[in-house]
Amino acid sequence: MSYMSCFLEVSLISVLESLACITEGSLSAVVIHVLLRSGEGLISNVVYALLGVSAMSRVHKSATILQQLAALCSLCERTTWKAVLCWNSLCGWLQSTVQSLPSEYLIQGEAETIVPLWLEALASAASDYLDSKSSDANRSDHVHMQGKGGRTLKRIIRDFADSHRNAPNPT
């Protein structure tokens, strides 16, 4: 998970630095294509990590990865690459992941509530992240989980992992 978080951090910096003009073949363009192809798998793996054994130890890193991915999707909305990767991409990946989970892994009614709840938290956390990353003072600092949005996202992720601790093991 640490490598993925580092990849997403570098990706965000690259996209932020080339926001005005992302050309085909540039690092930012490659990142966008990689995320387009692997975003759903990434979301799925993070959700399954939160359902697995010792999930509580993965809460912070999972929330960070989700926040970074949300920030990248949100950031791409401001570029000419919006048609390739956008906020709706993230929405679709999360919806698909939740729909593909075996019903015994979710609490009754959770499948209907988790996507809107998480998307609202992700939008706020992504906004906080981008605001912090865009300010010159915080450009090189790790700014994940700062701000109300980041803290709310982490709490929601923690609550999800905690509520599934006694659920059947998804292995």
Protein backbone atom coordinates (compact mmCIF):
# COMPACT_ATOMS: atom_id res chain seq x y z
CA MET A 1 0.00 0.00 0.00
CA SER A 2 2.90 2.35 0.67
CA TYR A 3 4.17 2.00 -2.89
CA MET A 4 0.73 2.80 -4.27
CA SER A 5 0.46 5.87 -2.06
CA CYS A 6 3.90 7.03 -3.25
CA PHE A 7 2.89 6.46 -6.88
CA LEU A 8 -0.29 8.48 -6.38
CA GLU A 9 1.64 11.26 -4.61
CA VAL A 10 4.12 11.55 -7.50
CA SER A 11 1.22 11.38 -9.95
CA LEU A 12 -0.57 14.25 -8.23
CA ILE A 13 2.56 16.39 -8.26
CA SER A 14 3.09 15.66 -11.95
CA VAL A 15 -0.49 16.51 -12.91
CA LEU A 16 -0.46 19.66 -10.76
CA GLU A 17 2.76 20.85 -12.41
CA SER A 18 1.46 20.27 -15.94
CA LEU A 19 -2.18 21.15 -15.34
CA ALA A 20 -2.31 23.76 -18.11
CA CYS A 21 -0.95 21.48 -20.80
CA ILE A 22 -0.86 17.71 -20.42
CA THR A 23 0.50 16.33 -23.67
CA GLU A 24 0.20 12.78 -24.94
CA GLY A 25 3.26 10.80 -23.85
CA SER A 26 4.02 13.02 -20.87
CA LEU A 27 4.29 11.53 -17.39
CA SER A 28 0.92 13.02 -16.49
CA ALA A 29 -0.72 11.46 -19.54
CA VAL A 30 0.81 8.07 -18.75
CA VAL A 31 -0.42 8.36 -15.15
CA ILE A 32 -3.94 9.15 -16.35
CA HIS A 33 -3.92 6.10 -18.63
CA VAL A 34 -2.57 3.85 -15.85
CA LEU A 35 -5.26 5.06 -13.46
CA LEU A 36 -7.95 4.61 -16.09
CA ARG A 37 -6.94 0.98 -16.53
CA SER A 38 -6.25 0.14 -12.88
CA GLY A 39 -8.56 2.42 -10.90
CA GLU A 40 -11.34 -0.10 -10.43
CA GLY A 41 -8.89 -2.78 -9.31
CA LEU A 42 -7.28 -0.35 -6.90
CA ILE A 43 -10.63 0.58 -5.33
CA SER A 44 -11.58 -3.09 -5.10
CA ASN A 45 -8.30 -4.04 -3.43
CA VAL A 46 -8.60 -1.23 -0.90
CA VAL A 47 -12.16 -2.24 0.01
CA TYR A 48 -11.16 -5.89 0.37
CA ALA A 49 -8.19 -4.84 2.52
CA LEU A 50 -10.67 -3.11 4.83
CA LEU A 51 -12.71 -6.32 5.05
CA GLY A 52 -9.75 -8.59 5.77
CA VAL A 53 -7.88 -9.67 8.85
CA SER A 54 -6.14 -6.80 10.67
CA ALA A 55 -8.08 -4.26 8.62
CA MET A 56 -7.85 -1.64 11.37
CA SER A 57 -4.10 -1.41 10.78
CA ARG A 58 -4.81 -0.50 7.15
CA VAL A 59 -7.34 2.28 7.78
CA HIS A 60 -4.95 5.24 7.49
CA LYS A 61 -3.18 3.98 4.37
CA SER A 62 -6.47 2.97 2.72
CA ALA A 63 -8.02 6.36 3.42
CA THR A 64 -4.89 8.08 2.10
CA ILE A 65 -4.96 6.08 -1.15
CA LEU A 66 -8.66 6.79 -1.63
CA GLN A 67 -8.11 10.49 -0.93
CA GLN A 68 -5.23 10.68 -3.41
CA LEU A 69 -7.18 8.82 -6.10
CA ALA A 70 -10.18 11.10 -5.54
CA ALA A 71 -7.90 14.14 -5.79
CA LEU A 72 -6.47 12.91 -9.09
CA CYS A 73 -9.92 12.26 -10.55
CA SER A 74 -11.08 15.66 -9.35
CA LEU A 75 -7.97 17.34 -10.74
CA CYS A 76 -8.45 15.74 -14.16
CA GLU A 77 -11.88 17.42 -14.29
CA ARG A 78 -9.96 20.69 -14.81
CA THR A 79 -8.01 19.42 -17.81
CA THR A 80 -8.60 18.45 -21.41
CA TRP A 81 -8.22 14.85 -20.16
CA LYS A 82 -11.63 15.03 -18.46
CA ALA A 83 -13.08 12.71 -21.12
CA VAL A 84 -10.49 10.07 -20.18
CA LEU A 85 -10.42 10.28 -16.37
CA CYS A 86 -12.89 12.20 -14.23
CA TRP A 87 -14.93 12.16 -11.05
CA ASN A 88 -17.48 9.86 -12.71
CA SER A 89 -14.68 7.32 -13.21
CA LEU A 90 -14.20 7.13 -9.45
CA CYS A 91 -17.97 6.94 -8.89
CA GLY A 92 -18.23 4.03 -11.33
CA TRP A 93 -15.30 2.16 -9.81
CA LEU A 94 -16.71 2.45 -6.30
CA GLN A 95 -20.21 1.46 -7.44
CA SER A 96 -18.86 -1.53 -9.35
CA THR A 97 -16.76 -2.66 -6.39
CA VAL A 98 -19.66 -2.48 -3.94
CA GLN A 99 -21.98 -4.29 -6.36
CA SER A 100 -19.46 -7.09 -6.86
CA LEU A 101 -18.95 -7.72 -3.14
CA PRO A 102 -20.56 -10.93 -1.91
CA SER A 103 -23.68 -10.00 0.07
CA GLU A 104 -22.37 -11.69 3.22
CA TYR A 105 -19.54 -9.13 3.41
CA LEU A 106 -21.89 -6.20 3.81
CA ILE A 107 -24.30 -5.32 6.57
CA GLN A 108 -28.00 -5.32 5.62
CA GLY A 109 -28.73 -2.17 3.57
CA GLU A 110 -25.08 -1.10 3.45
CA ALA A 111 -24.74 -1.61 -0.31
CA GLU A 112 -27.27 1.18 -0.89
CA THR A 113 -25.70 3.67 1.52
CA ILE A 114 -21.96 3.14 1.25
CA VAL A 115 -21.42 4.65 -2.22
CA PRO A 116 -23.11 8.03 -1.60
CA LEU A 117 -21.57 8.27 1.88
CA TRP A 118 -18.06 7.52 0.66
CA LEU A 119 -18.36 9.74 -2.42
CA GLU A 120 -19.40 12.72 -0.32
CA ALA A 121 -16.46 12.15 2.02
CA LEU A 122 -14.09 11.57 -0.91
CA ALA A 123 -15.17 14.80 -2.61
CA SER A 124 -14.51 16.80 0.54
CA ALA A 125 -11.21 15.03 1.23
CA ALA A 126 -10.06 15.51 -2.38
CA SER A 127 -10.87 19.20 -2.19
CA ASP A 128 -8.92 19.58 1.07
CA TYR A 129 -5.99 17.68 -0.41
CA LEU A 130 -5.87 19.76 -3.59
CA ASP A 131 -6.25 23.02 -1.68
CA SER A 132 -3.33 22.07 0.55
CA LYS A 133 -1.21 20.74 -2.32
CA SER A 134 -1.85 23.83 -4.43
CA SER A 135 -0.57 26.25 -1.82
CA ASP A 136 3.15 26.88 -2.24
CA ALA A 137 3.90 26.29 1.45
CA ASN A 138 2.51 22.74 1.41
CA ARG A 139 3.55 21.66 -2.05
CA SER A 140 6.22 19.22 -0.89
CA ASP A 141 4.64 18.18 2.41
CA HIS A 142 2.42 15.17 2.87
CA VAL A 143 -1.01 16.75 3.18
CA HIS A 144 -3.24 13.70 3.26
CA MET A 145 -5.81 13.38 6.02
CA GLN A 146 -5.55 17.06 6.89
CA GLY A 147 -8.61 19.25 6.95
CA LYS A 148 -12.13 18.33 7.89
CA GLY A 149 -12.70 16.32 4.70
CA GLY A 150 -9.67 14.11 5.24
CA ARG A 151 -10.56 13.47 8.87
CA THR A 152 -14.16 12.68 7.95
CA LEU A 153 -13.01 10.24 5.27
CA LYS A 154 -10.68 8.51 7.70
CA ARG A 155 -13.47 8.22 10.29
CA ILE A 156 -15.84 6.71 7.71
CA ILE A 157 -13.18 4.23 6.58
CA ARG A 158 -12.38 3.34 10.21
CA ASP A 159 -16.08 2.83 10.99
CA PHE A 160 -16.44 0.59 7.93
CA ALA A 161 -13.45 -1.56 8.88
CA ASP A 162 -14.53 -1.70 12.52
CA SER A 163 -18.10 -2.73 11.69
CA HIS A 164 -16.79 -5.65 9.59
CA ARG A 165 -14.28 -7.04 12.07
CA ASN A 166 -16.51 -9.97 12.99
CA ALA A 167 -17.81 -10.57 9.48
CA PRO A 168 -16.80 -13.69 7.51
CA ASN A 169 -13.22 -13.54 6.24
CA PRO A 170 -13.25 -12.66 2.50
CA THR A 171 -10.28 -14.88 1.60
